[in-house]
C-alpha atoms as a PDB file:
ATOM      1  CA  GLU A   1     -40.488 -60.230 -31.201  1.00  0.00           C
ATOM      2  CA  ILE A   2     -40.170 -56.846 -33.249  1.00  0.00           C
ATOM      3  CA  GLN A   3     -42.552 -56.262 -35.912  1.00  0.00           C
ATOM      4  CA  GLU A   4     -41.122 -53.827 -38.451  1.00  0.00           C
ATOM      5  CA  GLU A   5     -44.373 -52.595 -39.705  1.00  0.00           C
ATOM      6  CA  TYR A   6     -45.200 -51.044 -36.203  1.00  0.00           C
ATOM      7  CA  GLU A   7     -43.390 -48.572 -33.884  1.00  0.00           C
ATOM      8  CA  THR A   8     -42.250 -50.597 -30.893  1.00  0.00           C
ATOM      9  CA  ILE A   9     -40.400 -49.561 -27.922  1.00  0.00           C
ATOM     10  CA  VAL A  10     -37.262 -51.470 -28.077  1.00  0.00           C
ATOM     11  CA  ARG A  11     -35.548 -50.466 -24.833  1.00  0.00           C
ATOM     12  CA  GLU A  12     -34.755 -47.307 -22.712  1.00  0.00           C
ATOM     13  CA  ILE A  13     -31.845 -44.920 -23.286  1.00  0.00           C
ATOM     14  CA  THR A  14     -29.927 -43.882 -20.266  1.00  0.00           C
ATOM     15  CA  ILE A  15     -28.520 -40.271 -20.549  1.00  0.00           C
ATOM     16  CA  GLU A  16     -26.623 -38.698 -17.768  1.00  0.00           C
ATOM     17  CA  LEU A  17     -28.797 -35.789 -16.148  1.00  0.00           C
ATOM     18  CA  ARG A  18     -25.689 -33.409 -16.113  1.00  0.00           C
ATOM     19  CA  TRP A  19     -24.858 -34.046 -19.822  1.00  0.00           C
ATOM     20  CA  LEU A  20     -28.655 -33.516 -20.787  1.00  0.00           C
ATOM     21  CA  LYS A  21     -28.880 -30.377 -18.952  1.00  0.00           C
ATOM     22  CA  GLU A  22     -25.589 -28.954 -20.542  1.00  0.00           C
ATOM     23  CA  GLN A  23     -26.750 -30.146 -24.080  1.00  0.00           C
ATOM     24  CA  VAL A  24     -30.455 -29.682 -24.301  1.00  0.00           C
ATOM     25  CA  LYS A  25     -31.850 -26.203 -23.371  1.00  0.00           C
ATOM     26  CA  ASN A  26     -35.320 -24.910 -22.725  1.00  0.00           C
ATOM     27  CA  ILE A  27     -37.040 -28.032 -22.066  1.00  0.00           C
ATOM     28  CA  SER A  28     -40.288 -28.255 -19.994  1.00  0.00           C
ATOM     29  CA  ASN A  29     -39.064 -31.099 -17.660  1.00  0.00           C
ATOM     30  CA  THR A  30     -36.380 -33.895 -18.356  1.00  0.00           C
ATOM     31  CA  ASN A  31     -39.517 -36.509 -17.521  1.00  0.00           C
ATOM     32  CA  ASN A  32     -41.122 -35.215 -20.659  1.00  0.00           C
ATOM     33  CA  LEU A  33     -38.299 -36.139 -23.092  1.00  0.00           C
ATOM     34  CA  ALA A  34     -38.878 -39.052 -25.556  1.00  0.00           C
ATOM     35  CA  VAL A  35     -37.253 -40.567 -28.365  1.00  0.00           C
ATOM     36  CA  ILE A  36     -38.767 -41.191 -31.834  1.00  0.00           C
ATOM     37  CA  THR A  37     -37.295 -42.428 -35.247  1.00  0.00           C
ATOM     38  CA  GLY A  38     -37.102 -39.936 -37.931  1.00  0.00           C
ATOM     39  CA  LYS A  39     -38.661 -41.411 -41.148  1.00  0.00           C
ATOM     40  CA  GLY A  40     -37.911 -40.196 -44.663  1.00  0.00           C
ATOM     41  CA  ASN A  41     -35.643 -37.611 -46.163  1.00  0.00           C
ATOM     42  CA  SER A  42     -37.896 -34.595 -46.184  1.00  0.00           C
ATOM     43  CA  MET A  43     -35.802 -33.064 -43.463  1.00  0.00           C
ATOM     44  CA  GLU A  44     -32.300 -33.482 -44.665  1.00  0.00           C
ATOM     45  CA  PRO A  45     -29.874 -32.505 -43.917  1.00  0.00           C
ATOM     46  CA  THR A  46     -31.037 -31.455 -40.526  1.00  0.00           C
ATOM     47  CA  PHE A  47     -31.665 -35.261 -39.823  1.00  0.00           C
ATOM     48  CA  HIS A  48     -31.648 -38.309 -41.860  1.00  0.00           C
ATOM     49  CA  ASP A  49     -34.006 -41.416 -42.258  1.00  0.00           C
ATOM     50  CA  GLY A  50     -33.448 -43.522 -38.939  1.00  0.00           C
ATOM     51  CA  ASP A  51     -31.874 -40.670 -36.898  1.00  0.00           C
ATOM     52  CA  ALA A  52     -33.350 -40.635 -33.298  1.00  0.00           C
ATOM     53  CA  LEU A  53     -35.166 -37.472 -32.382  1.00  0.00           C
ATOM     54  CA  ILE A  54     -35.135 -36.350 -28.972  1.00  0.00           C
ATOM     55  CA  VAL A  55     -38.674 -34.593 -28.398  1.00  0.00           C
ATOM     56  CA  ASP A  56     -40.060 -32.667 -25.637  1.00  0.00           C
ATOM     57  CA  THR A  57     -43.586 -33.909 -25.388  1.00  0.00           C
ATOM     58  CA  GLY A  58     -44.456 -31.410 -22.604  1.00  0.00           C
ATOM     59  CA  ILE A  59     -44.609 -28.657 -25.433  1.00  0.00           C
ATOM     60  CA  LYS A  60     -48.064 -29.132 -26.575  1.00  0.00           C
ATOM     61  CA  ASP A  61     -48.335 -25.740 -28.622  1.00  0.00           C
ATOM     62  CA  PHE A  62     -46.268 -23.810 -31.144  1.00  0.00           C
ATOM     63  CA  ILE A  63     -44.054 -21.592 -29.044  1.00  0.00           C
ATOM     64  CA  THR A  64     -41.173 -20.539 -31.151  1.00  0.00           C
ATOM     65  CA  ASN A  65     -39.948 -21.365 -34.604  1.00  0.00           C
ATOM     66  CA  GLY A  66     -38.517 -24.842 -34.678  1.00  0.00           C
ATOM     67  CA  ILE A  67     -39.249 -28.524 -35.612  1.00  0.00           C
ATOM     68  CA  TYR A  68     -42.365 -30.086 -34.090  1.00  0.00           C
ATOM     69  CA  VAL A  69     -43.984 -33.441 -34.115  1.00  0.00           C
ATOM     70  CA  PHE A  70     -47.625 -32.824 -34.877  1.00  0.00           C
ATOM     71  CA  SER A  71     -50.646 -34.347 -36.549  1.00  0.00           C
ATOM     72  CA  VAL A  72     -53.188 -32.953 -38.956  1.00  0.00           C
ATOM     73  CA  ASN A  73     -56.060 -35.265 -39.634  1.00  0.00           C
ATOM     74  CA  HIS A  74     -54.498 -38.195 -37.837  1.00  0.00           C
ATOM     75  CA  ASN A  75     -51.403 -37.951 -39.950  1.00  0.00           C
ATOM     76  CA  LEU A  76     -48.390 -37.643 -37.921  1.00  0.00           C
ATOM     77  CA  PHE A  77     -45.442 -35.144 -39.202  1.00  0.00           C
ATOM     78  CA  VAL A  78     -41.959 -33.921 -38.274  1.00  0.00           C
ATOM     79  CA  LYS A  79     -41.579 -30.623 -39.886  1.00  0.00           C
ATOM     80  CA  ARG A  80     -40.306 -27.084 -39.267  1.00  0.00           C
ATOM     81  CA  LEU A  81     -43.133 -24.781 -38.062  1.00  0.00           C
ATOM     82  CA  SER A  82     -42.570 -21.302 -38.411  1.00  0.00           C
ATOM     83  CA  LYS A  83     -44.905 -18.145 -37.888  1.00  0.00           C
ATOM     84  CA  GLN A  84     -45.204 -15.694 -40.693  1.00  0.00           C
ATOM     85  CA  LEU A  85     -45.234 -11.921 -40.340  1.00  0.00           C
ATOM     86  CA  ASN A  86     -48.963 -12.225 -41.093  1.00  0.00           C
ATOM     87  CA  GLY A  87     -49.355 -14.505 -38.235  1.00  0.00           C
ATOM     88  CA  GLU A  88     -49.911 -17.578 -40.408  1.00  0.00           C
ATOM     89  CA  LEU A  89     -48.519 -20.769 -39.242  1.00  0.00           C
ATOM     90  CA  ILE A  90     -46.540 -22.680 -41.837  1.00  0.00           C
ATOM     91  CA  ALA A  91     -44.781 -26.273 -42.097  1.00  0.00           C
ATOM     92  CA  THR A  92     -41.921 -26.876 -44.304  1.00  0.00           C
ATOM     93  CA  SER A  93     -39.424 -29.513 -45.038  1.00  0.00           C
ATOM     94  CA  ASP A  94     -35.685 -28.671 -45.026  1.00  0.00           C
ATOM     95  CA  ASN A  95     -34.649 -30.872 -47.897  1.00  0.00           C
ATOM     96  CA  PRO A  96     -34.027 -28.612 -50.905  1.00  0.00           C
ATOM     97  CA  ALA A  97     -34.541 -31.514 -53.216  1.00  0.00           C
ATOM     98  CA  ILE A  98     -38.033 -32.086 -52.233  1.00  0.00           C
ATOM     99  CA  GLN A  99     -40.804 -30.008 -53.654  1.00  0.00           C
ATOM    100  CA  GLN A 100     -41.582 -27.474 -50.980  1.00  0.00           C
ATOM    101  CA  LEU A 101     -45.230 -27.705 -50.368  1.00  0.00           C
ATOM    102  CA  ILE A 102     -46.041 -25.350 -47.543  1.00  0.00           C
ATOM    103  CA  GLU A 103     -48.616 -26.799 -45.222  1.00  0.00           C
ATOM    104  CA  LYS A 104     -50.849 -24.654 -43.327  1.00  0.00           C
ATOM    105  CA  PRO A 105     -51.603 -26.505 -40.292  1.00  0.00           C
ATOM    106  CA  GLY A 106     -53.354 -23.739 -38.447  1.00  0.00           C
ATOM    107  CA  GLU A 107     -56.114 -23.843 -41.103  1.00  0.00           C
ATOM    108  CA  HIS A 108     -56.747 -27.696 -40.791  1.00  0.00           C
ATOM    109  CA  GLY A 109     -56.633 -27.880 -36.920  1.00  0.00           C
ATOM    110  CA  TYR A 110     -53.449 -29.485 -35.676  1.00  0.00           C
ATOM    111  CA  VAL A 111     -52.251 -31.198 -32.509  1.00  0.00           C
ATOM    112  CA  VAL A 112     -48.785 -30.539 -31.371  1.00  0.00           C
ATOM    113  CA  HIS A 113     -47.236 -33.746 -29.848  1.00  0.00           C
ATOM    114  CA  GLY A 114     -43.986 -32.296 -28.995  1.00  0.00           C
ATOM    115  CA  LYS A 115     -40.844 -30.221 -30.081  1.00  0.00           C
ATOM    116  CA  VAL A 116     -37.756 -31.630 -31.294  1.00  0.00           C
ATOM    117  CA  VAL A 117     -34.701 -30.510 -29.049  1.00  0.00           C
ATOM    118  CA  GLY A 118     -32.003 -32.779 -30.148  1.00  0.00           C
ATOM    119  CA  ILE A 119     -30.984 -35.161 -32.829  1.00  0.00           C
ATOM    120  CA  TRP A 120     -29.075 -38.371 -32.188  1.00  0.00           C
ATOM    121  CA  ASN A 121     -27.638 -40.131 -35.093  1.00  0.00           C
ATOM    122  CA  TRP A 122     -25.459 -43.051 -35.682  1.00  0.00           C
ATOM    123  CA  ARG A 123     -22.818 -42.604 -38.554  1.00  0.00           C
ATOM    124  CA  LYS A 124     -20.227 -45.028 -39.364  1.00  0.00           C
ATOM    125  CA  ALA A 125     -16.720 -43.532 -38.816  1.00  0.00           C
ATOM    126  CA  TRP A 126     -15.065 -45.632 -41.697  1.00  0.00           C
END
């Protein structure tokens, strides 16, 4: 029984290794890939509520600008992390309709859980 208020592993997704290596570059190891569901609209148009995010969980530190899964004070976020010229690390949303609150995760101590390396969505074709 699936309980909607909790994240639940429903089943595995099988992806051909050849396709994966062609489509997803610069991953730590294919065994480190996980799929999570994006929630909310703060990262639109990059991804939408309910899109499946392919995350490299082998990346545990900020390495380059990109979208990361990280937590601050036990709150989980999927945001764009970037380093400013002054070395400051900031987290932002991609949705221009959302008030852009620039978080400074480096000031509060944060934990990187992985880097988003792909987005898999399901859109009706009609």
